[in-house]
Amino acid sequence: MKALHIYAGPKAMAHIAAHGLRPAHIHVIPGAAGGPKGLILGPLDRFLFGEWLPQSTQPIDLVGASIGAWRMATACLTDPVQGLERLAHDYIHQEYKVPSGQKRPSANQVSNEFSQTLHGFYDGHVREVLNHPRYRLHVVTSRGKHILHREHPLLTPLGYAGAYLCNALQRKAMGAWLERVVFSSHGELPFDTNDFATQHMPLNERNFMAALQASCSIPFVLQAVHDIPDAPTGAYWDGGITDYHLHLNYKGLVLYPHFQQAVVPGWLDKALKWRHKSTPFLDNTIVLAPNPEWVKTLPNGKLPDRSDFVRYAYDFKGRVTVWKAAVEASEQLAQEFANWLRHPNLSEVHSL
């Protein structure tokens, strides 16, 4: 069974028909939020950043939210293949032990342990990430406004309820509660920001760890990161809140390794199926995603996801085994894309 499905917007489809697809054509690579689902993209990432893209020399913008930000930052290391292999290992082997008498670890516990993970991963390597000669890193976060400006046990749930109701009416209306704040290593943003309230800040050695942790800080699962250096004050949460799958109005040809076909705009849009369709924002986008039928052959018939932390709450080795098996199976995604690149066949590309 084919593991990989390739999807393309109309302009990307026309590009492939006229020119094929070469590494020099790529201008942007996004990395979606989605927690453990992102593990399935490890082999594709290693192929792209370790073998294929080094065949070209143009600057490339890497845009990431949550685990996507972790993936894109890792791609900026001097040895991205080794870094991406370690990322998969470290993510798979995360263990948040449930304290006696509790149903789940506290947000404070998860935040502290995740902070230690990030420091162990990037300490001594931040400068090489920020100064990559080709890759321009953009880390997406969500900053709270009004009663979400500071994390609070009562006001924060109320604020997110307000954000949910506003978002259901109109995505832009959620901007009254949350704004997109993007931290960039250098350069302008590779997408238009008229779609949503946005601030653009420098990503530097002072704020790298805080910005990356904020981008991964799922509300109520981790604590917000407050007052990131060299940025507006306030509480910062997971970049996936405002930009779950980075459904953005990109500039240039986009290659998007993703864990599904749909590019969902925001985390609060997950239940709003009418917002899961493609739009003109994705006209220049090529999505590489697993075949849904192939996904059913993985352990538990699905991609790794956050529910596995609950399912295997008292079976750490069981979760590790299941996630490692899924990652090993996903080598097929990279192999099939490499084969397709040797002989690009437009008949195998689906409309996005």
Protein backbone atom coordinates (compact mmCIF):
# COMPACT_ATOMS: atom_id res chain seq x y z
CA MET A 1 0.00 0.00 0.00
CA LYS A 2 1.18 3.51 -0.85
CA ALA A 3 2.02 5.44 2.30
CA LEU A 4 2.43 8.91 0.79
CA HIS A 5 -0.17 11.16 -0.78
CA ILE A 6 0.99 14.32 -2.56
CA TYR A 7 -1.44 17.25 -2.79
CA ALA A 8 -0.96 20.57 -4.57
CA GLY A 9 -2.78 23.86 -4.96
CA PRO A 10 -3.51 25.01 -8.54
CA LYS A 11 -0.40 27.19 -8.93
CA ALA A 12 1.82 24.53 -7.39
CA MET A 13 0.27 21.95 -9.71
CA ALA A 14 1.04 24.16 -12.72
CA HIS A 15 4.62 24.58 -11.49
CA ILE A 16 5.14 20.82 -11.25
CA ALA A 17 3.63 20.33 -14.71
CA ALA A 18 5.97 22.91 -16.23
CA HIS A 19 9.16 22.42 -14.23
CA GLY A 20 8.92 19.27 -12.12
CA LEU A 21 10.11 19.77 -8.56
CA ARG A 22 13.69 20.55 -7.61
CA PRO A 23 15.11 21.72 -4.29
CA ALA A 24 15.98 25.13 -5.77
CA HIS A 25 12.25 25.77 -6.30
CA ILE A 26 11.33 25.73 -2.60
CA HIS A 27 10.91 29.01 -0.71
CA VAL A 28 8.98 28.04 2.45
CA ILE A 29 8.59 24.95 4.65
CA PRO A 30 5.94 25.06 7.41
CA GLY A 31 5.82 22.80 10.48
CA ALA A 32 2.36 22.35 11.99
CA ALA A 33 1.31 22.05 15.60
CA GLY A 34 -0.16 18.65 16.44
CA GLY A 35 1.92 17.14 19.23
CA PRO A 36 2.97 13.52 18.72
CA LYS A 37 1.44 13.44 15.21
CA GLY A 38 4.54 15.33 14.09
CA LEU A 39 6.68 12.28 14.89
CA ILE A 40 5.43 10.64 11.71
CA LEU A 41 7.27 13.31 9.68
CA GLY A 42 10.72 12.59 11.11
CA PRO A 43 11.99 10.46 8.20
CA LEU A 44 10.66 12.99 5.66
CA ASP A 45 12.37 15.82 7.56
CA ARG A 46 15.68 13.93 7.61
CA PHE A 47 15.49 13.29 3.87
CA LEU A 48 14.56 16.89 3.04
CA PHE A 49 17.10 18.63 5.26
CA GLY A 50 19.80 15.98 5.11
CA GLU A 51 19.79 14.98 1.42
CA TRP A 52 17.48 16.94 -0.86
CA LEU A 53 17.58 20.62 0.10
CA PRO A 54 21.42 20.68 0.46
CA GLN A 55 21.46 20.27 -3.34
CA SER A 56 20.33 23.92 -3.60
CA THR A 57 21.59 27.24 -2.22
CA GLN A 58 18.61 29.64 -1.99
CA PRO A 59 17.37 31.01 1.36
CA ILE A 60 14.37 29.11 2.76
CA ASP A 61 11.92 30.31 5.40
CA LEU A 62 11.05 27.69 8.03
CA VAL A 63 7.80 28.50 9.85
CA GLY A 64 6.82 26.42 12.88
CA ALA A 65 4.27 26.22 15.67
CA SER A 66 4.50 23.88 18.68
CA ILE A 67 6.21 20.60 17.67
CA GLY A 68 6.56 22.15 14.21
CA ALA A 69 8.69 24.93 15.72
CA TRP A 70 10.85 22.31 17.46
CA ARG A 71 11.23 20.44 14.14
CA MET A 72 12.10 23.59 12.16
CA ALA A 73 14.57 24.84 14.78
CA THR A 74 16.26 21.44 14.74
CA ALA A 75 16.55 21.61 10.95
CA CYS A 76 18.73 24.70 11.48
CA LEU A 77 21.38 22.76 13.39
CA THR A 78 24.74 22.14 11.72
CA ASP A 79 23.90 18.41 11.60
CA PRO A 80 20.13 18.35 11.06
CA VAL A 81 19.90 14.58 10.56
CA GLN A 82 21.48 13.81 13.91
CA GLY A 83 19.37 16.54 15.52
CA LEU A 84 16.12 15.25 14.04
CA GLU A 85 16.95 11.72 15.13
CA ARG A 86 17.52 12.99 18.67
CA LEU A 87 14.29 15.01 18.56
CA ALA A 88 12.32 11.86 17.74
CA HIS A 89 14.08 9.94 20.51
CA ASP A 90 13.60 12.67 23.12
CA TYR A 91 9.95 13.25 22.21
CA ILE A 92 9.12 9.55 22.25
CA HIS A 93 10.80 9.09 25.63
CA GLN A 94 9.07 11.99 27.37
CA GLU A 95 7.70 10.71 30.65
CA TYR A 96 5.54 12.79 32.96
CA LYS A 97 4.88 10.61 35.99
CA VAL A 98 1.48 11.10 37.59
CA PRO A 99 1.90 12.07 41.26
CA SER A 100 0.17 9.85 43.79
CA GLY A 101 -3.47 10.79 44.23
CA GLN A 102 -3.68 12.76 40.98
CA LYS A 103 -5.20 11.83 37.62
CA ARG A 104 -2.58 13.69 35.57
CA PRO A 105 0.62 15.68 36.07
CA SER A 106 0.18 19.38 36.82
CA ALA A 107 0.84 22.05 34.20
CA ASN A 108 3.67 23.31 36.39
CA GLN A 109 5.32 19.87 36.42
CA VAL A 110 5.00 19.42 32.66
CA SER A 111 6.33 22.94 31.97
CA ASN A 112 9.35 22.47 34.23
CA GLU A 113 10.25 19.09 32.76
CA PHE A 114 9.73 20.29 29.18
CA SER A 115 11.96 23.31 29.86
CA GLN A 116 14.69 20.95 31.01
CA THR A 117 14.25 18.94 27.81
CA LEU A 118 14.63 22.03 25.60
CA HIS A 119 17.69 23.24 27.48
CA GLY A 120 19.27 19.81 27.27
CA PHE A 121 18.57 19.79 23.55
CA TYR A 122 19.65 23.30 22.51
CA ASP A 123 22.11 24.56 25.14
CA GLY A 124 25.32 25.39 23.30
CA HIS A 125 23.58 25.29 19.90
CA VAL A 126 21.30 28.34 19.90
CA ARG A 127 23.74 30.51 17.98
CA GLU A 128 24.09 27.98 15.16
CA VAL A 129 20.29 27.74 14.87
CA LEU A 130 19.89 31.51 14.68
CA ASN A 131 22.77 32.03 12.25
CA HIS A 132 22.12 29.27 9.74
CA PRO A 133 23.48 30.46 6.38
CA ARG A 134 20.32 29.53 4.48
CA TYR A 135 17.38 28.87 6.79
CA ARG A 136 15.38 31.72 8.32
CA LEU A 137 13.51 30.44 11.36
CA HIS A 138 10.08 31.82 12.34
CA VAL A 139 8.58 30.59 15.64
CA VAL A 140 4.84 31.20 16.01
CA THR A 141 3.30 31.88 19.43
CA SER A 142 -0.10 33.07 20.69
CA ARG A 143 -0.13 36.05 23.09
CA GLY A 144 -3.11 36.62 25.37
CA LYS A 145 -4.95 39.95 25.49
CA HIS A 146 -7.27 41.47 28.11
CA ILE A 147 -8.08 38.82 30.73
CA LEU A 148 -5.74 36.41 28.93
CA HIS A 149 -2.84 38.84 29.41
CA ARG A 150 -1.86 36.92 32.56
CA GLU A 151 -2.51 33.27 33.29
CA HIS A 152 -5.13 32.92 36.04
CA PRO A 153 -6.98 29.86 37.37
CA LEU A 154 -10.42 31.43 36.85
CA LEU A 155 -9.95 34.14 34.23
CA THR A 156 -7.96 32.04 31.76
CA PRO A 157 -10.76 29.48 31.17
CA LEU A 158 -13.22 32.37 30.79
CA GLY A 159 -10.90 34.06 28.32
CA TYR A 160 -10.56 30.96 26.21
CA ALA A 161 -14.35 30.49 26.27
CA GLY A 162 -14.66 34.02 24.90
CA ALA A 163 -12.02 33.31 22.28
CA TYR A 164 -13.87 30.15 21.23
CA LEU A 165 -17.19 31.98 20.80
CA CYS A 166 -15.60 34.85 18.85
CA ASN A 167 -13.68 32.44 16.64
CA ALA A 168 -16.84 30.48 15.87
CA LEU A 169 -18.39 33.68 14.53
CA GLN A 170 -15.34 34.90 12.64
CA ARG A 171 -11.70 33.89 12.86
CA LYS A 172 -10.51 37.51 12.86
CA ALA A 173 -12.74 38.22 15.86
CA MET A 174 -10.58 35.93 18.00
CA GLY A 175 -7.96 38.66 17.69
CA ALA A 176 -9.74 40.47 20.53
CA TRP A 177 -8.48 37.72 22.84
CA LEU A 178 -5.30 36.39 21.27
CA GLU A 179 -2.78 37.66 18.77
CA ARG A 180 -0.18 35.91 16.67
CA VAL A 181 3.37 36.83 17.68
CA VAL A 182 6.09 35.51 15.39
CA PHE A 183 9.73 35.46 16.48
CA SER A 184 12.12 35.47 13.50
CA SER A 185 15.85 34.80 13.39
CA HIS A 186 16.16 37.26 10.51
CA GLY A 187 14.27 38.55 7.51
CA GLU A 188 10.70 39.51 6.83
CA LEU A 189 7.79 37.16 7.34
CA PRO A 190 7.21 34.84 4.37
CA PHE A 191 3.45 35.33 4.54
CA ASP A 192 0.94 38.15 4.53
CA THR A 193 -0.52 39.08 7.95
CA ASN A 194 -3.79 40.75 6.95
CA ASP A 195 -5.71 37.63 7.98
CA PHE A 196 -5.17 37.99 11.74
CA ALA A 197 -3.75 40.32 14.42
CA THR A 198 0.02 39.82 14.22
CA GLN A 199 3.22 41.14 15.79
CA HIS A 200 6.70 40.36 14.45
CA MET A 201 9.60 40.17 16.89
CA PRO A 202 13.31 39.29 16.68
CA LEU A 203 14.35 35.78 17.70
CA ASN A 204 17.68 36.01 19.50
CA GLU A 205 19.80 34.31 22.13
CA ARG A 206 17.95 36.12 24.93
CA ASN A 207 14.51 34.86 24.01
CA PHE A 208 15.05 31.68 21.97
CA MET A 209 14.26 29.21 24.77
CA ALA A 210 11.27 31.20 26.02
CA ALA A 211 9.78 31.64 22.55
CA LEU A 212 10.21 27.97 21.67
CA GLN A 213 8.72 26.83 24.98
CA ALA A 214 5.81 29.24 24.54
CA SER A 215 5.16 27.90 21.04
CA CYS A 216 4.78 24.42 22.58
CA SER A 217 2.76 25.45 25.67
CA ILE A 218 -0.68 23.92 25.22
CA PRO A 219 -3.17 25.77 27.45
CA PHE A 220 -4.01 23.93 30.68
CA VAL A 221 -1.46 21.20 29.84
CA LEU A 222 1.55 23.48 30.25
CA GLN A 223 1.78 26.89 31.87
CA ALA A 224 1.95 30.01 29.75
CA VAL A 225 5.35 31.65 29.31
CA HIS A 226 5.18 35.22 30.61
CA ASP A 227 7.07 38.30 29.45
CA ILE A 228 9.36 36.91 26.77
CA PRO A 229 12.50 39.10 26.49
CA ASP A 230 12.48 41.68 23.68
CA ALA A 231 8.75 41.23 23.10
CA PRO A 232 5.50 42.72 24.46
CA THR A 233 4.66 41.72 28.03
CA GLY A 234 1.99 39.13 28.70
CA ALA A 235 1.20 35.43 28.62
CA TYR A 236 2.31 33.44 25.59
CA TRP A 237 0.85 30.07 24.65
CA ASP A 238 1.08 27.44 21.94
CA GLY A 239 1.40 28.89 18.45
CA GLY A 240 -1.19 26.37 17.34
CA ILE A 241 -3.95 28.31 19.13
CA THR A 242 -3.86 31.02 16.50
CA ASP A 243 -2.22 28.94 13.75
CA TYR A 244 -2.82 25.23 14.24
CA HIS A 245 -1.62 24.12 10.80
CA LEU A 246 -0.23 27.45 9.57
CA HIS A 247 -2.90 28.04 6.93
CA LEU A 248 -1.21 31.27 5.82
CA ASN A 249 -0.98 33.42 2.70
CA TYR A 250 2.56 32.39 1.79
CA LYS A 251 4.96 34.06 -0.62
CA GLY A 252 6.67 31.66 -3.04
CA LEU A 253 6.45 27.90 -3.53
CA VAL A 254 5.71 26.03 -0.30
CA LEU A 255 6.64 22.43 0.47
CA TYR A 256 4.61 21.25 3.44
CA PRO A 257 5.32 17.90 5.13
CA HIS A 258 2.07 17.41 7.07
CA PHE A 259 0.32 14.59 8.88
CA GLN A 260 -2.98 15.02 7.00
CA GLN A 261 -4.39 16.68 3.90
CA ALA A 262 -6.44 19.37 5.68
CA VAL A 263 -4.56 22.50 6.73
CA VAL A 264 -6.74 23.71 9.63
CA PRO A 265 -6.30 27.44 10.41
CA GLY A 266 -6.50 27.55 14.23
CA TRP A 267 -6.71 25.12 17.15
CA LEU A 268 -10.25 26.32 17.91
CA ASP A 269 -11.23 25.44 14.33
CA LYS A 270 -10.77 21.71 14.86
CA ALA A 271 -14.53 21.14 15.20
CA LEU A 272 -15.43 23.70 12.51
CA LYS A 273 -15.18 21.41 9.49
CA TRP A 274 -16.06 24.13 7.00
CA ARG A 275 -12.73 25.78 7.80
CA HIS A 276 -10.76 22.66 6.90
CA LYS A 277 -11.01 23.20 3.14
CA SER A 278 -8.25 24.60 0.99
CA THR A 279 -8.31 28.33 0.17
CA PRO A 280 -6.36 30.57 -2.23
CA PHE A 281 -3.78 30.96 0.56
CA LEU A 282 -2.59 27.45 -0.34
CA ASP A 283 -2.49 27.88 -4.13
CA ASN A 284 1.33 27.70 -4.11
CA THR A 285 1.49 24.83 -1.61
CA ILE A 286 2.52 21.18 -2.01
CA VAL A 287 1.43 19.01 0.92
CA LEU A 288 3.11 15.68 1.65
CA ALA A 289 0.81 13.65 3.89
CA PRO A 290 0.22 10.01 4.88
CA ASN A 291 -2.45 8.06 3.04
CA PRO A 292 -5.39 7.70 5.50
CA GLU A 293 -5.69 4.00 4.59
CA TRP A 294 -2.01 3.47 5.36
CA VAL A 295 -2.47 5.22 8.71
CA LYS A 296 -4.96 2.48 9.63
CA THR A 297 -2.11 -0.06 9.41
CA LEU A 298 -0.15 1.70 12.18
CA PRO A 299 -0.33 0.56 15.83
CA ASN A 300 -3.83 1.31 17.20
CA GLY A 301 -4.87 2.21 13.64
CA LYS A 302 -3.88 5.86 14.01
CA LEU A 303 -1.04 8.34 14.21
CA PRO A 304 0.58 8.87 17.61
CA ASP A 305 -1.34 11.58 19.47
CA ARG A 306 -1.74 13.17 22.89
CA SER A 307 -4.44 10.68 23.91
CA ASP A 308 -1.65 8.10 24.11
CA PHE A 309 -0.28 9.85 27.19
CA VAL A 310 -3.56 8.91 28.88
CA ARG A 311 -3.94 5.50 27.28
CA TYR A 312 -0.43 4.51 28.36
CA ALA A 313 -0.33 6.60 31.55
CA TYR A 314 0.95 3.59 33.52
CA ASP A 315 2.65 1.81 30.63
CA PHE A 316 5.57 4.00 29.55
CA LYS A 317 7.33 1.16 27.72
CA GLY A 318 4.13 0.32 25.86
CA ARG A 319 3.77 3.88 24.55
CA VAL A 320 7.42 4.02 23.56
CA THR A 321 7.07 0.75 21.65
CA VAL A 322 3.97 1.92 19.80
CA TRP A 323 5.42 5.31 18.87
CA LYS A 324 8.74 3.84 17.75
CA ALA A 325 6.88 1.38 15.51
CA ALA A 326 4.91 4.22 13.90
CA VAL A 327 8.09 6.24 13.28
CA GLU A 328 9.86 3.23 11.78
CA ALA A 329 6.89 2.59 9.48
CA SER A 330 6.96 6.24 8.35
CA GLU A 331 10.33 5.65 6.66
CA GLN A 332 8.11 4.58 3.76
CA LEU A 333 6.90 8.18 3.38
CA ALA A 334 10.44 9.43 2.78
CA GLN A 335 11.31 6.58 0.44
CA GLU A 336 8.22 7.16 -1.69
CA PHE A 337 8.84 10.89 -1.95
CA ALA A 338 12.46 10.31 -2.95
CA ASN A 339 11.28 7.88 -5.63
CA TRP A 340 8.66 10.33 -6.90
CA LEU A 341 11.25 13.11 -7.20
CA ARG A 342 13.35 10.96 -9.53
CA HIS A 343 10.38 10.65 -11.91
CA PRO A 344 7.76 13.30 -11.01
CA ASN A 345 4.38 12.05 -12.20
CA LEU A 346 1.61 14.63 -12.16
CA SER A 347 -1.04 11.91 -12.25
CA GLU A 348 0.05 10.95 -8.73
CA VAL A 349 -0.54 14.48 -7.39
CA HIS A 350 -3.98 15.13 -5.91
CA SER A 351 -5.73 18.48 -5.85
CA LEU A 352 -5.35 20.18 -2.46
